[in-house]
N, C-alpha and C. Protein backbone atom coordinates (compact mmCIF):
# COMPACT_ATOMS: atom_id res chain seq x y z
N UNK A 1 45.39 23.64 34.56
CA UNK A 1 46.02 23.08 33.39
C UNK A 1 44.94 22.72 32.39
N UNK A 2 45.14 23.06 31.17
CA UNK A 2 44.19 22.72 30.12
C UNK A 2 44.88 21.83 29.09
N UNK A 3 44.07 20.97 28.46
CA UNK A 3 44.58 20.11 27.39
C UNK A 3 44.20 20.74 26.07
N UNK A 4 45.15 20.80 25.17
CA UNK A 4 44.86 21.33 23.85
C UNK A 4 44.86 20.19 22.86
N UNK A 5 44.05 20.33 21.85
CA UNK A 5 44.00 19.29 20.82
C UNK A 5 42.86 18.32 21.11
N UNK A 6 42.91 17.23 20.40
CA UNK A 6 41.85 16.24 20.46
C UNK A 6 42.16 15.19 21.51
N UNK A 7 41.16 14.86 22.30
CA UNK A 7 41.29 13.76 23.27
C UNK A 7 40.84 12.50 22.57
N UNK A 8 41.62 11.46 22.71
CA UNK A 8 41.27 10.16 22.11
C UNK A 8 40.43 9.40 23.15
N UNK A 9 39.10 9.51 22.99
CA UNK A 9 38.19 8.90 23.98
C UNK A 9 38.27 7.38 23.93
N UNK A 10 38.50 6.78 22.79
CA UNK A 10 38.64 5.33 22.72
C UNK A 10 39.85 4.88 23.53
N UNK A 11 40.94 5.63 23.46
CA UNK A 11 42.13 5.29 24.23
C UNK A 11 41.85 5.48 25.71
N UNK A 12 41.15 6.56 26.06
CA UNK A 12 40.82 6.83 27.45
C UNK A 12 40.01 5.65 28.03
N UNK A 13 38.97 5.22 27.32
CA UNK A 13 38.13 4.12 27.78
C UNK A 13 38.92 2.83 27.87
N UNK A 14 39.76 2.57 26.87
CA UNK A 14 40.50 1.31 26.81
C UNK A 14 41.56 1.21 27.91
N UNK A 15 42.12 2.36 28.33
CA UNK A 15 43.21 2.32 29.31
C UNK A 15 42.77 2.70 30.72
N UNK A 16 41.52 3.05 30.90
CA UNK A 16 41.01 3.43 32.24
C UNK A 16 41.19 2.29 33.23
N UNK A 17 41.54 2.61 34.45
CA UNK A 17 41.67 1.60 35.50
C UNK A 17 40.34 1.14 36.05
N UNK A 18 39.31 1.96 35.90
CA UNK A 18 37.97 1.62 36.35
C UNK A 18 37.18 1.04 35.19
N UNK A 19 36.23 0.17 35.53
CA UNK A 19 35.32 -0.38 34.51
C UNK A 19 34.45 0.75 33.98
N UNK A 20 34.28 0.75 32.68
CA UNK A 20 33.34 1.66 32.04
C UNK A 20 32.37 0.79 31.26
N UNK A 21 31.14 0.81 31.75
CA UNK A 21 30.08 -0.05 31.17
C UNK A 21 28.97 0.84 30.67
N UNK A 22 28.57 0.64 29.42
CA UNK A 22 27.45 1.38 28.86
C UNK A 22 26.34 0.38 28.60
N UNK A 23 25.14 0.72 29.04
CA UNK A 23 23.98 -0.13 28.76
C UNK A 23 22.90 0.73 28.11
N UNK A 24 22.07 0.07 27.30
CA UNK A 24 20.99 0.79 26.60
C UNK A 24 19.79 0.93 27.54
N UNK A 25 18.72 1.48 27.02
CA UNK A 25 17.52 1.74 27.83
C UNK A 25 16.92 0.49 28.40
N UNK A 26 17.11 -0.65 27.73
CA UNK A 26 16.58 -1.92 28.22
C UNK A 26 17.51 -2.63 29.21
N UNK A 27 18.71 -2.08 29.41
CA UNK A 27 19.65 -2.70 30.35
C UNK A 27 20.57 -3.71 29.70
N UNK A 28 20.70 -3.67 28.36
CA UNK A 28 21.61 -4.55 27.67
C UNK A 28 22.96 -3.83 27.51
N UNK A 29 24.02 -4.56 27.70
CA UNK A 29 25.38 -4.00 27.67
C UNK A 29 25.76 -3.72 26.21
N UNK A 30 26.18 -2.47 25.97
CA UNK A 30 26.62 -2.09 24.62
C UNK A 30 28.08 -1.70 24.58
N UNK A 31 28.71 -1.48 25.72
CA UNK A 31 30.15 -1.24 25.79
C UNK A 31 30.71 -1.82 27.08
N UNK A 32 31.87 -2.44 26.98
CA UNK A 32 32.51 -3.15 28.09
C UNK A 32 34.00 -2.99 27.88
N UNK A 33 34.65 -2.18 28.71
CA UNK A 33 36.07 -1.90 28.48
C UNK A 33 36.95 -2.97 29.13
N UNK A 34 38.26 -2.94 28.84
CA UNK A 34 39.16 -3.97 29.40
C UNK A 34 39.16 -4.04 30.93
N UNK A 35 38.99 -2.89 31.60
CA UNK A 35 38.94 -2.94 33.08
C UNK A 35 37.68 -3.67 33.55
N UNK A 36 36.60 -3.63 32.79
CA UNK A 36 35.38 -4.38 33.14
C UNK A 36 35.71 -5.87 33.13
N UNK A 37 36.45 -6.31 32.13
CA UNK A 37 36.84 -7.73 32.06
C UNK A 37 37.75 -8.09 33.24
N UNK A 38 38.70 -7.21 33.57
CA UNK A 38 39.61 -7.49 34.69
C UNK A 38 38.85 -7.58 36.01
N UNK A 39 37.90 -6.68 36.21
CA UNK A 39 37.16 -6.65 37.48
C UNK A 39 36.13 -7.79 37.58
N UNK A 40 35.37 -8.00 36.54
CA UNK A 40 34.24 -8.94 36.59
C UNK A 40 34.53 -10.31 36.00
N UNK A 41 35.60 -10.43 35.19
CA UNK A 41 35.96 -11.73 34.62
C UNK A 41 35.30 -12.06 33.30
N UNK A 42 34.28 -11.32 32.92
CA UNK A 42 33.57 -11.58 31.68
C UNK A 42 34.28 -10.86 30.55
N UNK A 43 34.47 -11.55 29.42
CA UNK A 43 35.10 -10.91 28.26
C UNK A 43 34.09 -9.96 27.62
N UNK A 44 34.58 -9.16 26.71
CA UNK A 44 33.71 -8.27 25.95
C UNK A 44 32.66 -9.12 25.18
N UNK A 45 33.10 -10.24 24.61
CA UNK A 45 32.18 -11.12 23.88
C UNK A 45 31.10 -11.70 24.81
N UNK A 46 31.50 -12.02 26.05
CA UNK A 46 30.52 -12.53 27.05
C UNK A 46 29.46 -11.46 27.35
N UNK A 47 29.90 -10.21 27.42
CA UNK A 47 29.05 -9.15 27.96
C UNK A 47 28.21 -8.42 26.92
N UNK A 48 28.79 -8.06 25.80
CA UNK A 48 28.10 -7.21 24.83
C UNK A 48 26.82 -7.91 24.35
N UNK A 49 25.72 -7.15 24.40
CA UNK A 49 24.41 -7.68 23.98
C UNK A 49 23.66 -8.38 25.08
N UNK A 50 24.35 -8.70 26.17
CA UNK A 50 23.69 -9.38 27.27
C UNK A 50 23.18 -8.39 28.31
N UNK A 51 22.45 -8.92 29.28
CA UNK A 51 21.87 -8.12 30.31
C UNK A 51 22.90 -7.80 31.41
N UNK A 52 22.69 -6.69 32.10
CA UNK A 52 23.48 -6.37 33.28
C UNK A 52 23.36 -7.42 34.37
N UNK A 53 22.35 -8.31 34.24
CA UNK A 53 22.17 -9.38 35.24
C UNK A 53 23.42 -10.23 35.41
N UNK A 54 24.32 -10.24 34.43
CA UNK A 54 25.53 -11.08 34.60
C UNK A 54 26.37 -10.63 35.77
N UNK A 55 26.24 -9.36 36.18
CA UNK A 55 27.04 -8.87 37.32
C UNK A 55 26.21 -8.48 38.51
N UNK A 56 24.89 -8.67 38.45
CA UNK A 56 24.02 -8.30 39.57
C UNK A 56 23.58 -9.57 40.32
N UNK A 57 23.90 -9.63 41.61
CA UNK A 57 23.43 -10.79 42.41
C UNK A 57 21.91 -10.91 42.32
N UNK A 58 21.43 -12.14 42.27
CA UNK A 58 20.00 -12.38 42.09
C UNK A 58 19.15 -11.63 43.08
N UNK A 59 19.55 -11.62 44.37
CA UNK A 59 18.75 -10.98 45.41
C UNK A 59 18.69 -9.47 45.25
N UNK A 60 19.57 -8.89 44.43
CA UNK A 60 19.60 -7.42 44.21
C UNK A 60 18.89 -7.01 42.93
N UNK A 61 18.52 -7.97 42.10
CA UNK A 61 18.03 -7.64 40.76
C UNK A 61 16.72 -6.84 40.76
N UNK A 62 15.76 -7.21 41.59
CA UNK A 62 14.49 -6.51 41.60
C UNK A 62 14.69 -5.03 41.93
N UNK A 63 15.44 -4.75 42.96
CA UNK A 63 15.70 -3.37 43.36
C UNK A 63 16.47 -2.63 42.27
N UNK A 64 17.48 -3.30 41.68
CA UNK A 64 18.25 -2.68 40.61
C UNK A 64 17.34 -2.28 39.45
N UNK A 65 16.54 -3.23 38.99
CA UNK A 65 15.71 -2.97 37.78
C UNK A 65 14.62 -1.93 38.07
N UNK A 66 14.09 -1.92 39.29
CA UNK A 66 13.13 -0.87 39.64
C UNK A 66 13.77 0.51 39.49
N UNK A 67 14.96 0.68 40.04
CA UNK A 67 15.67 1.95 39.94
C UNK A 67 16.10 2.26 38.52
N UNK A 68 16.54 1.28 37.80
CA UNK A 68 16.99 1.46 36.42
C UNK A 68 15.84 1.97 35.55
N UNK A 69 14.71 1.29 35.62
CA UNK A 69 13.56 1.68 34.81
C UNK A 69 13.01 3.04 35.20
N UNK A 70 13.03 3.35 36.49
CA UNK A 70 12.60 4.67 36.95
C UNK A 70 13.52 5.75 36.39
N UNK A 71 14.81 5.49 36.39
CA UNK A 71 15.77 6.45 35.84
C UNK A 71 15.58 6.62 34.33
N UNK A 72 15.30 5.54 33.63
CA UNK A 72 15.05 5.63 32.19
C UNK A 72 13.81 6.46 31.91
N UNK A 73 12.78 6.31 32.74
CA UNK A 73 11.51 7.00 32.53
C UNK A 73 11.60 8.49 32.93
N UNK A 74 12.34 8.79 33.99
CA UNK A 74 12.33 10.15 34.52
C UNK A 74 13.56 10.98 34.07
N UNK A 75 14.64 10.30 33.71
CA UNK A 75 15.88 11.01 33.40
C UNK A 75 16.54 11.60 34.62
N UNK A 76 16.21 11.05 35.78
CA UNK A 76 16.77 11.55 37.04
C UNK A 76 17.47 10.41 37.81
N UNK A 77 18.68 10.71 38.26
CA UNK A 77 19.41 9.80 39.14
C UNK A 77 20.27 10.61 40.09
N UNK A 78 20.38 10.17 41.31
CA UNK A 78 21.27 10.86 42.25
C UNK A 78 22.68 10.30 42.15
N UNK A 79 22.84 9.21 41.40
CA UNK A 79 24.15 8.55 41.34
C UNK A 79 25.09 9.13 40.30
N UNK A 80 24.72 10.29 39.77
CA UNK A 80 25.66 11.02 38.94
C UNK A 80 26.70 11.72 39.80
N UNK A 81 26.29 12.04 41.02
CA UNK A 81 27.20 12.75 41.94
C UNK A 81 27.44 11.97 43.23
N UNK A 82 26.53 11.08 43.59
CA UNK A 82 26.71 10.27 44.79
C UNK A 82 27.24 8.90 44.40
N UNK A 83 28.15 8.39 45.19
CA UNK A 83 28.72 7.06 44.96
C UNK A 83 27.75 6.00 45.45
N UNK A 84 27.46 5.04 44.61
CA UNK A 84 26.59 3.92 45.00
C UNK A 84 27.50 2.71 45.26
N UNK A 85 27.35 2.12 46.43
CA UNK A 85 28.13 0.92 46.80
C UNK A 85 27.16 -0.26 46.89
N UNK A 86 27.45 -1.31 46.11
CA UNK A 86 26.59 -2.48 46.06
C UNK A 86 27.43 -3.74 45.83
N UNK A 87 26.86 -4.90 46.15
CA UNK A 87 27.53 -6.16 45.79
C UNK A 87 27.38 -6.40 44.29
N UNK A 88 28.32 -7.17 43.75
CA UNK A 88 28.27 -7.53 42.34
C UNK A 88 28.82 -8.94 42.21
N UNK A 89 28.68 -9.51 41.03
CA UNK A 89 29.14 -10.87 40.77
C UNK A 89 30.32 -10.92 39.82
N UNK A 90 31.26 -11.77 40.14
CA UNK A 90 32.37 -12.08 39.24
C UNK A 90 31.98 -13.31 38.43
N UNK A 91 32.58 -13.49 37.27
CA UNK A 91 32.26 -14.64 36.42
C UNK A 91 32.46 -15.96 37.16
N UNK A 92 33.44 -16.01 38.06
CA UNK A 92 33.72 -17.26 38.78
C UNK A 92 32.74 -17.51 39.94
N UNK A 93 31.75 -16.63 40.12
CA UNK A 93 30.73 -16.81 41.14
C UNK A 93 30.96 -16.09 42.45
N UNK A 94 32.14 -15.55 42.65
CA UNK A 94 32.40 -14.86 43.92
C UNK A 94 31.71 -13.49 43.91
N UNK A 95 31.45 -13.00 45.12
CA UNK A 95 30.84 -11.69 45.27
C UNK A 95 31.89 -10.63 45.39
N UNK A 96 31.67 -9.52 44.70
CA UNK A 96 32.53 -8.36 44.77
C UNK A 96 31.80 -7.23 45.47
N UNK A 97 32.53 -6.28 45.98
CA UNK A 97 31.94 -5.05 46.49
C UNK A 97 32.39 -3.94 45.53
N UNK A 98 31.43 -3.29 44.88
CA UNK A 98 31.77 -2.27 43.90
C UNK A 98 31.19 -0.92 44.32
N UNK A 99 31.80 0.14 43.78
CA UNK A 99 31.28 1.48 43.97
C UNK A 99 31.27 2.12 42.61
N UNK A 100 30.21 2.88 42.33
CA UNK A 100 30.15 3.50 41.01
C UNK A 100 29.28 4.76 40.98
N UNK A 101 29.50 5.53 39.92
CA UNK A 101 28.63 6.64 39.56
C UNK A 101 28.13 6.39 38.14
N UNK A 102 27.10 7.11 37.76
CA UNK A 102 26.54 6.94 36.42
C UNK A 102 26.37 8.27 35.73
N UNK A 103 26.36 8.21 34.40
CA UNK A 103 25.99 9.35 33.55
C UNK A 103 24.89 8.87 32.64
N UNK A 104 23.92 9.72 32.42
CA UNK A 104 22.80 9.36 31.54
C UNK A 104 23.11 9.80 30.13
N UNK A 105 22.82 8.94 29.18
CA UNK A 105 22.93 9.27 27.75
C UNK A 105 21.53 9.58 27.24
N UNK A 106 21.42 10.59 26.38
CA UNK A 106 20.08 10.93 25.90
C UNK A 106 20.13 11.45 24.47
N UNK A 107 18.99 11.36 23.85
CA UNK A 107 18.73 11.99 22.55
C UNK A 107 17.52 12.87 22.79
N UNK A 108 17.73 14.16 22.73
CA UNK A 108 16.67 15.08 23.07
C UNK A 108 16.27 14.91 24.52
N UNK A 109 14.98 14.70 24.75
CA UNK A 109 14.47 14.51 26.12
C UNK A 109 14.39 13.03 26.52
N UNK A 110 14.85 12.14 25.63
CA UNK A 110 14.71 10.70 25.88
C UNK A 110 16.03 10.12 26.37
N UNK A 111 16.01 9.47 27.54
CA UNK A 111 17.20 8.80 28.04
C UNK A 111 17.34 7.51 27.24
N UNK A 112 18.53 7.31 26.67
CA UNK A 112 18.78 6.15 25.81
C UNK A 112 19.72 5.14 26.42
N UNK A 113 20.37 5.51 27.52
CA UNK A 113 21.29 4.56 28.14
C UNK A 113 22.00 5.18 29.34
N UNK A 114 22.83 4.35 29.92
CA UNK A 114 23.57 4.75 31.12
C UNK A 114 25.02 4.33 30.97
N UNK A 115 25.91 5.21 31.38
CA UNK A 115 27.33 4.89 31.48
C UNK A 115 27.64 4.75 32.98
N UNK A 116 28.18 3.62 33.37
CA UNK A 116 28.59 3.41 34.75
C UNK A 116 30.11 3.37 34.81
N UNK A 117 30.68 4.14 35.74
CA UNK A 117 32.11 4.10 36.02
C UNK A 117 32.25 3.35 37.35
N UNK A 118 32.85 2.14 37.27
CA UNK A 118 32.79 1.19 38.38
C UNK A 118 34.19 0.88 38.90
N UNK A 119 34.32 0.87 40.20
CA UNK A 119 35.58 0.53 40.87
C UNK A 119 35.33 -0.66 41.79
N UNK A 120 36.27 -1.61 41.77
CA UNK A 120 36.21 -2.77 42.67
C UNK A 120 36.72 -2.34 44.03
N UNK A 121 35.88 -2.37 45.04
CA UNK A 121 36.27 -1.99 46.40
C UNK A 121 36.23 -3.18 47.34
N UNK A 122 36.33 -4.38 46.80
CA UNK A 122 36.23 -5.59 47.61
C UNK A 122 37.30 -5.62 48.71
N UNK A 123 38.54 -5.31 48.36
CA UNK A 123 39.62 -5.35 49.35
C UNK A 123 39.39 -4.31 50.45
N UNK A 124 39.04 -3.09 50.06
CA UNK A 124 38.78 -2.04 51.06
C UNK A 124 37.62 -2.44 51.96
N UNK A 125 36.54 -2.96 51.38
CA UNK A 125 35.38 -3.37 52.15
C UNK A 125 35.75 -4.49 53.13
N UNK A 126 36.53 -5.46 52.69
CA UNK A 126 36.95 -6.57 53.53
C UNK A 126 37.81 -6.07 54.69
N UNK A 127 38.73 -5.16 54.38
CA UNK A 127 39.58 -4.59 55.45
C UNK A 127 38.77 -3.81 56.45
N UNK A 128 37.80 -3.03 55.98
CA UNK A 128 36.96 -2.26 56.91
C UNK A 128 36.11 -3.20 57.77
N UNK A 129 35.59 -4.25 57.18
CA UNK A 129 34.79 -5.21 57.97
C UNK A 129 35.67 -5.84 59.03
N UNK A 130 36.91 -6.20 58.70
CA UNK A 130 37.82 -6.80 59.68
C UNK A 130 38.14 -5.80 60.79
N UNK A 131 38.37 -4.54 60.45
CA UNK A 131 38.63 -3.52 61.47
C UNK A 131 37.43 -3.34 62.40
N UNK A 132 36.23 -3.33 61.83
CA UNK A 132 35.02 -3.21 62.67
C UNK A 132 34.91 -4.41 63.62
N UNK A 133 35.22 -5.61 63.13
CA UNK A 133 35.18 -6.80 63.96
C UNK A 133 36.18 -6.68 65.09
N UNK A 134 37.40 -6.23 64.79
CA UNK A 134 38.44 -6.09 65.80
C UNK A 134 38.06 -5.07 66.86
N UNK A 135 37.48 -3.95 66.42
CA UNK A 135 37.05 -2.93 67.38
C UNK A 135 35.97 -3.48 68.29
N UNK A 136 35.01 -4.20 67.71
CA UNK A 136 33.93 -4.83 68.49
C UNK A 136 34.51 -5.81 69.52
N UNK A 137 35.48 -6.62 69.09
CA UNK A 137 36.09 -7.57 70.00
C UNK A 137 36.83 -6.87 71.14
N UNK A 138 37.55 -5.78 70.81
CA UNK A 138 38.27 -5.03 71.85
C UNK A 138 37.30 -4.36 72.81
N UNK A 139 36.21 -3.82 72.31
CA UNK A 139 35.20 -3.20 73.19
C UNK A 139 34.60 -4.25 74.10
N UNK A 140 34.34 -5.42 73.60
CA UNK A 140 33.77 -6.50 74.41
C UNK A 140 34.77 -6.88 75.51
N UNK A 141 36.03 -6.99 75.12
CA UNK A 141 37.10 -7.36 76.08
C UNK A 141 37.23 -6.28 77.16
N UNK A 142 37.18 -5.02 76.76
CA UNK A 142 37.28 -3.92 77.74
C UNK A 142 36.09 -3.90 78.70
N UNK A 143 34.90 -4.14 78.16
CA UNK A 143 33.70 -4.17 79.04
C UNK A 143 33.81 -5.33 80.03
N UNK A 144 34.31 -6.48 79.57
CA UNK A 144 34.45 -7.63 80.46
C UNK A 144 35.47 -7.33 81.55
N UNK A 145 36.56 -6.67 81.22
CA UNK A 145 37.59 -6.34 82.24
C UNK A 145 37.09 -5.30 83.21
N UNK A 146 36.32 -4.34 82.75
CA UNK A 146 35.85 -3.26 83.64
C UNK A 146 34.75 -3.75 84.57
N UNK A 147 34.02 -4.83 84.18
CA UNK A 147 33.00 -5.36 85.08
C UNK A 147 33.52 -6.38 86.06
N UNK A 148 34.78 -6.80 85.91
CA UNK A 148 35.32 -7.79 86.86
C UNK A 148 35.87 -7.13 88.10
């Protein structure tokens, strides 16, 4: 199936269910769609012009910025095709589990920013952790019964 005519990219970004966050080469947020506000709790006014640090847990920041700056310098990231799963912060202080891919923006050979397409996977992650715990408990119970 092909689409004919013009695609309204502003409408696409505004109505997307996933967060679409654009940051410049320095890591400052330059676009924050409504899904970003729904997922992270920060309004567009809170986010635009500020650092990505608003959603990055403090213990993850060093690793994040090392990778971010390396990507800006080299123009290479594996997260254009591989899903990256990391913790993130909500405005109210709670930790989220997010998954995302990125696209690099460039002018000529210079990377000028990154677009991240982000999904909140907190519920799925919590459910999987509970299932792993239940399996572990059942395995422990079975081992205890078989050794008696």
